[in-house]
C-alpha atoms as a PDB file:
ATOM      1  CA  MET A   1      -7.745 -41.959  64.091  1.00  0.00           C
ATOM      2  CA  LYS A   2      -7.678 -42.741  60.379  1.00  0.00           C
ATOM      3  CA  LEU A   3      -9.745 -39.635  59.759  1.00  0.00           C
ATOM      4  CA  LEU A   4      -7.306 -37.494  61.725  1.00  0.00           C
ATOM      5  CA  ILE A   5      -4.322 -38.860  59.750  1.00  0.00           C
ATOM      6  CA  PHE A   6      -6.198 -38.243  56.475  1.00  0.00           C
ATOM      7  CA  VAL A   7      -7.000 -34.623  57.423  1.00  0.00           C
ATOM      8  CA  VAL A   8      -3.414 -33.917  58.532  1.00  0.00           C
ATOM      9  CA  LEU A   9      -1.962 -35.396  55.313  1.00  0.00           C
ATOM     10  CA  SER A  10      -4.452 -33.431  53.189  1.00  0.00           C
ATOM     11  CA  LEU A  11      -3.521 -30.168  54.899  1.00  0.00           C
ATOM     12  CA  PHE A  12       0.175 -30.971  54.522  1.00  0.00           C
ATOM     13  CA  CYS A  13      -0.225 -31.605  50.762  1.00  0.00           C
ATOM     14  CA  CYS A  14      -2.213 -28.403  50.245  1.00  0.00           C
ATOM     15  CA  CYS A  15       0.273 -26.262  52.125  1.00  0.00           C
ATOM     16  CA  SER A  16       3.366 -27.724  50.479  1.00  0.00           C
ATOM     17  CA  ASN A  17       2.481 -26.594  46.915  1.00  0.00           C
ATOM     18  CA  GLY A  18       4.263 -23.304  47.447  1.00  0.00           C
ATOM     19  CA  GLN A  19       3.464 -19.865  46.133  1.00  0.00           C
ATOM     20  CA  GLN A  20       1.908 -19.776  42.659  1.00  0.00           C
ATOM     21  CA  HIS A  21       3.360 -16.350  41.752  1.00  0.00           C
ATOM     22  CA  PRO A  22       6.554 -15.671  43.679  1.00  0.00           C
ATOM     23  CA  GLN A  23       7.116 -12.054  44.629  1.00  0.00           C
ATOM     24  CA  GLY A  24       9.747 -10.050  42.767  1.00  0.00           C
ATOM     25  CA  GLN A  25       9.961 -12.373  39.773  1.00  0.00           C
ATOM     26  CA  ASN A  26       9.737 -10.837  36.285  1.00  0.00           C
ATOM     27  CA  ASN A  27       7.042 -12.739  34.385  1.00  0.00           C
ATOM     28  CA  GLN A  28       7.857 -11.378  30.901  1.00  0.00           C
ATOM     29  CA  LEU A  29       7.831 -13.993  28.166  1.00  0.00           C
ATOM     30  CA  PHE A  30      10.502 -12.230  26.116  1.00  0.00           C
ATOM     31  CA  LYS A  31      13.248  -9.779  26.811  1.00  0.00           C
ATOM     32  CA  VAL A  32      12.637  -6.178  25.846  1.00  0.00           C
ATOM     33  CA  ASP A  33      15.804  -4.380  24.832  1.00  0.00           C
ATOM     34  CA  ASP A  34      16.365  -0.926  26.162  1.00  0.00           C
ATOM     35  CA  LEU A  35      15.932   1.256  23.104  1.00  0.00           C
ATOM     36  CA  LYS A  36      18.221   4.223  23.469  1.00  0.00           C
ATOM     37  CA  THR A  37      19.537   6.541  20.837  1.00  0.00           C
ATOM     38  CA  THR A  38      23.123   7.622  20.931  1.00  0.00           C
ATOM     39  CA  THR A  39      22.578  10.889  19.112  1.00  0.00           C
ATOM     40  CA  TRP A  40      20.104  13.608  19.919  1.00  0.00           C
ATOM     41  CA  ILE A  41      18.639  14.964  16.664  1.00  0.00           C
ATOM     42  CA  PRO A  42      17.127  18.438  16.897  1.00  0.00           C
ATOM     43  CA  ILE A  43      14.133  19.639  14.922  1.00  0.00           C
ATOM     44  CA  LEU A  44      15.385  22.789  13.227  1.00  0.00           C
ATOM     45  CA  LYS A  45      12.141  23.898  11.619  1.00  0.00           C
ATOM     46  CA  TYR A  46       8.518  22.883  12.001  1.00  0.00           C
ATOM     47  CA  ASN A  47       5.589  24.635  10.387  1.00  0.00           C
ATOM     48  CA  LYS A  48       1.956  23.541  10.243  1.00  0.00           C
ATOM     49  CA  GLU A  49      -0.801  25.644   8.693  1.00  0.00           C
ATOM     50  CA  GLN A  50      -4.410  24.487   8.793  1.00  0.00           C
ATOM     51  CA  GLY A  51      -7.031  26.143   6.590  1.00  0.00           C
ATOM     52  CA  VAL A  52     -10.693  26.463   7.510  1.00  0.00           C
ATOM     53  CA  ASP A  53     -11.603  24.577   4.325  1.00  0.00           C
ATOM     54  CA  GLY A  54      -9.622  21.501   5.430  1.00  0.00           C
ATOM     55  CA  SER A  55      -6.509  22.308   3.442  1.00  0.00           C
ATOM     56  CA  TYR A  56      -3.145  22.197   5.144  1.00  0.00           C
ATOM     57  CA  LYS A  57       0.567  22.789   4.656  1.00  0.00           C
ATOM     58  CA  THR A  58       3.226  21.213   6.793  1.00  0.00           C
ATOM     59  CA  ALA A  59       7.012  21.305   6.658  1.00  0.00           C
ATOM     60  CA  PHE A  60       9.855  20.246   8.888  1.00  0.00           C
ATOM     61  CA  GLU A  61      13.628  19.993   8.883  1.00  0.00           C
ATOM     62  CA  THR A  62      15.785  17.987  11.271  1.00  0.00           C
ATOM     63  CA  GLY A  63      19.392  18.212  12.320  1.00  0.00           C
ATOM     64  CA  ASN A  64      20.329  15.092  10.360  1.00  0.00           C
ATOM     65  CA  HIS A  65      19.334  16.677   7.012  1.00  0.00           C
ATOM     66  CA  ILE A  66      15.809  15.313   6.683  1.00  0.00           C
ATOM     67  CA  LEU A  67      13.449  17.771   5.002  1.00  0.00           C
ATOM     68  CA  ALA A  68       9.770  17.187   4.297  1.00  0.00           C
ATOM     69  CA  GLU A  69       6.980  19.344   2.909  1.00  0.00           C
ATOM     70  CA  GLU A  70       3.376  18.368   2.234  1.00  0.00           C
ATOM     71  CA  THR A  71       0.193  20.101   1.175  1.00  0.00           C
ATOM     72  CA  GLY A  72      -3.295  18.716   1.211  1.00  0.00           C
ATOM     73  CA  TYR A  73      -6.597  19.992  -0.061  1.00  0.00           C
ATOM     74  CA  LEU A  74     -10.023  18.775  -1.060  1.00  0.00           C
ATOM     75  CA  LYS A  75     -10.603  18.715  -4.804  1.00  0.00           C
ATOM     76  CA  ASP A  76     -14.075  19.756  -5.946  1.00  0.00           C
ATOM     77  CA  ALA A  77     -16.771  17.106  -6.129  1.00  0.00           C
ATOM     78  CA  ASN A  78     -17.791  15.681  -9.488  1.00  0.00           C
ATOM     79  CA  GLN A  79     -19.939  12.863 -10.882  1.00  0.00           C
ATOM     80  CA  ALA A  80     -17.380  10.152 -10.096  1.00  0.00           C
ATOM     81  CA  ASN A  81     -16.532  11.540  -6.642  1.00  0.00           C
ATOM     82  CA  PRO A  82     -19.603  13.218  -5.123  1.00  0.00           C
ATOM     83  CA  ASN A  83     -17.815  13.914  -1.808  1.00  0.00           C
ATOM     84  CA  GLY A  84     -14.728  15.372  -3.434  1.00  0.00           C
ATOM     85  CA  VAL A  85     -11.216  13.942  -3.430  1.00  0.00           C
ATOM     86  CA  LEU A  86      -8.481  14.515  -0.886  1.00  0.00           C
ATOM     87  CA  VAL A  87      -5.250  15.421  -2.671  1.00  0.00           C
ATOM     88  CA  GLN A  88      -1.945  15.157  -0.842  1.00  0.00           C
ATOM     89  CA  GLU A  89       1.329  16.075  -2.480  1.00  0.00           C
ATOM     90  CA  GLY A  90       4.762  16.743  -1.181  1.00  0.00           C
ATOM     91  CA  THR A  91       8.495  16.189  -1.161  1.00  0.00           C
ATOM     92  CA  TYR A  92      10.935  14.626   1.226  1.00  0.00           C
ATOM     93  CA  THR A  93      14.732  14.623   1.178  1.00  0.00           C
ATOM     94  CA  TYR A  94      17.256  12.735   3.257  1.00  0.00           C
ATOM     95  CA  GLU A  95      20.862  11.606   3.123  1.00  0.00           C
ATOM     96  CA  ALA A  96      21.410   7.894   2.485  1.00  0.00           C
ATOM     97  CA  PRO A  97      24.074   6.006   4.467  1.00  0.00           C
ATOM     98  CA  ASP A  98      26.381   6.153   1.424  1.00  0.00           C
ATOM     99  CA  GLY A  99      26.117   9.970   1.383  1.00  0.00           C
ATOM    100  CA  GLN A 100      23.776  10.222  -1.612  1.00  0.00           C
ATOM    101  CA  ILE A 101      21.012  12.827  -1.281  1.00  0.00           C
ATOM    102  CA  ILE A 102      17.639  11.167  -1.887  1.00  0.00           C
ATOM    103  CA  THR A 103      14.727  13.358  -2.986  1.00  0.00           C
ATOM    104  CA  SER A 104      11.239  12.035  -3.662  1.00  0.00           C
ATOM    105  CA  HIS A 105       8.174  13.851  -4.944  1.00  0.00           C
ATOM    106  CA  TYR A 106       4.767  12.257  -4.439  1.00  0.00           C
ATOM    107  CA  LYS A 107       1.094  12.849  -5.083  1.00  0.00           C
ATOM    108  CA  ALA A 108      -1.938  10.941  -3.837  1.00  0.00           C
ATOM    109  CA  ASP A 109      -5.382  11.599  -5.287  1.00  0.00           C
ATOM    110  CA  GLU A 110      -8.206   9.773  -7.063  1.00  0.00           C
ATOM    111  CA  ASN A 111      -5.605   8.196  -9.374  1.00  0.00           C
ATOM    112  CA  GLY A 112      -3.703   6.575  -6.485  1.00  0.00           C
ATOM    113  CA  PHE A 113      -0.267   7.194  -5.009  1.00  0.00           C
ATOM    114  CA  ARG A 114       2.497   8.209  -7.419  1.00  0.00           C
ATOM    115  CA  ILE A 115       6.088   8.840  -6.454  1.00  0.00           C
ATOM    116  CA  HIS A 116       9.017  10.135  -8.508  1.00  0.00           C
ATOM    117  CA  GLY A 117      12.693  10.245  -7.706  1.00  0.00           C
ATOM    118  CA  ASN A 118      16.013   9.648  -9.444  1.00  0.00           C
ATOM    119  CA  HIS A 119      16.868   6.900  -6.957  1.00  0.00           C
ATOM    120  CA  LEU A 120      13.778   4.800  -7.768  1.00  0.00           C
ATOM    121  CA  PRO A 121      14.178   1.908 -10.203  1.00  0.00           C
ATOM    122  CA  THR A 122      12.483   2.249 -13.568  1.00  0.00           C
ATOM    123  CA  PRO A 123      11.558  -0.518 -15.988  1.00  0.00           C
ATOM    124  CA  PRO A 124      13.825  -1.011 -18.979  1.00  0.00           C
ATOM    125  CA  PRO A 125      12.522   0.146 -22.368  1.00  0.00           C
ATOM    126  CA  ILE A 126      10.471  -2.347 -24.355  1.00  0.00           C
ATOM    127  CA  PRO A 127      12.612  -3.970 -27.066  1.00  0.00           C
ATOM    128  CA  PRO A 128      11.573  -2.979 -30.618  1.00  0.00           C
ATOM    129  CA  GLU A 129      10.640  -6.563 -31.570  1.00  0.00           C
ATOM    130  CA  ILE A 130       8.248  -6.887 -28.636  1.00  0.00           C
ATOM    131  CA  GLN A 131       6.800  -3.424 -29.264  1.00  0.00           C
ATOM    132  CA  LYS A 132       6.170  -4.379 -32.910  1.00  0.00           C
ATOM    133  CA  GLY A 133       4.346  -7.529 -31.757  1.00  0.00           C
ATOM    134  CA  LEU A 134       2.243  -5.537 -29.295  1.00  0.00           C
ATOM    135  CA  ASP A 135       1.360  -3.048 -32.042  1.00  0.00           C
ATOM    136  CA  GLU A 136       0.265  -5.904 -34.320  1.00  0.00           C
ATOM    137  CA  ILE A 137      -1.886  -7.411 -31.568  1.00  0.00           C
ATOM    138  CA  TYR A 138      -3.480  -4.022 -30.899  1.00  0.00           C
ATOM    139  CA  ALA A 139      -4.126  -3.495 -34.635  1.00  0.00           C
ATOM    140  CA  GLY A 140      -5.731  -6.959 -34.827  1.00  0.00           C
ATOM    141  CA  ILE A 141      -8.002  -6.167 -31.907  1.00  0.00           C
ATOM    142  CA  LYS A 142      -9.052  -2.881 -33.533  1.00  0.00           C
ATOM    143  CA  LEU A 143      -9.672  -4.633 -36.866  1.00  0.00           C
ATOM    144  CA  ASN A 144     -11.783  -7.311 -35.173  1.00  0.00           C
ATOM    145  CA  GLU A 145     -13.828  -4.646 -33.373  1.00  0.00           C
ATOM    146  CA  GLN A 146     -14.352  -2.814 -36.666  1.00  0.00           C
ATOM    147  CA  ARG A 147     -15.498  -6.015 -38.404  1.00  0.00           C
ATOM    148  CA  ARG A 148     -17.967  -6.732 -35.617  1.00  0.00           C
ATOM    149  CA  ALA A 149     -19.310  -3.183 -35.857  1.00  0.00           C
ATOM    150  CA  ASP A 150     -19.738  -3.521 -39.651  1.00  0.00           C
ATOM    151  CA  LEU A 151     -21.797  -6.730 -39.396  1.00  0.00           C
ATOM    152  CA  LYS A 152     -25.544  -6.540 -39.559  1.00  0.00           C
ATOM    153  CA  PRO A 153     -27.323  -7.330 -36.267  1.00  0.00           C
ATOM    154  CA  GLU A 154     -28.784 -10.564 -37.689  1.00  0.00           C
ATOM    155  CA  GLU A 155     -25.342 -11.806 -38.722  1.00  0.00           C
ATOM    156  CA  ALA A 156     -23.900 -10.859 -35.331  1.00  0.00           C
ATOM    157  CA  ALA A 157     -26.664 -12.782 -33.551  1.00  0.00           C
ATOM    158  CA  GLU A 158     -26.025 -15.835 -35.762  1.00  0.00           C
ATOM    159  CA  ARG A 159     -22.264 -15.612 -35.133  1.00  0.00           C
ATOM    160  CA  ASP A 160     -22.814 -15.407 -31.374  1.00  0.00           C
ATOM    161  CA  ARG A 161     -25.194 -18.401 -31.484  1.00  0.00           C
ATOM    162  CA  ILE A 162     -22.651 -20.476 -33.407  1.00  0.00           C
ATOM    163  CA  ASN A 163     -19.847 -19.459 -31.049  1.00  0.00           C
ATOM    164  CA  TYR A 164     -22.036 -20.324 -28.049  1.00  0.00           C
ATOM    165  CA  GLU A 165     -22.685 -23.807 -29.440  1.00  0.00           C
ATOM    166  CA  GLY A 166     -18.941 -24.316 -29.890  1.00  0.00           C
ATOM    167  CA  ARG A 167     -18.906 -24.597 -33.688  1.00  0.00           C
ATOM    168  CA  TYR A 168     -16.327 -22.683 -35.682  1.00  0.00           C
ATOM    169  CA  ASP A 169     -17.319 -21.239 -39.027  1.00  0.00           C
ATOM    170  CA  PRO A 170     -14.490 -19.476 -40.885  1.00  0.00           C
ATOM    171  CA  LYS A 171     -16.860 -17.304 -42.919  1.00  0.00           C
ATOM    172  CA  TYR A 172     -17.469 -15.230 -39.777  1.00  0.00           C
ATOM    173  CA  TYR A 173     -13.761 -14.684 -39.147  1.00  0.00           C
ATOM    174  CA  ASN A 174     -12.298 -13.971 -42.602  1.00  0.00           C
END
């Protein structure tokens, strides 16, 4: 009898847990907004030309005054770049929210990505006092290099040994 009560209670407990994944319930952890645009923007012009050598030209214009043009080609191989260098350059133009027309010109090659445009911030000019100080530092570096070049190899070795040991001897620096 005890065994029968135990079995009935065990079955009752197992069946009363309910459904683990109820049907029809959305199990998303976060809400995804419906992304809809209010304005349809046409593509007015699209042109893509692909060369057999890997070069290309592409251009497009949209109905909201976005224009873009880009060319790409493989620059000849040299000692520094045995596989050649991919060069990409182009221009894009768009209208900012304040109505200003923004135009940017860019180039990407072995020297990195460079962009130019009137809307981009530029650093202020270096003040004359700071430029004078930088010129003096540069002249001092050049003078020090010249002095080291003028020293005999034996004197240079002795100077390096003294510097390595941490002793300062003014005769090597004046």
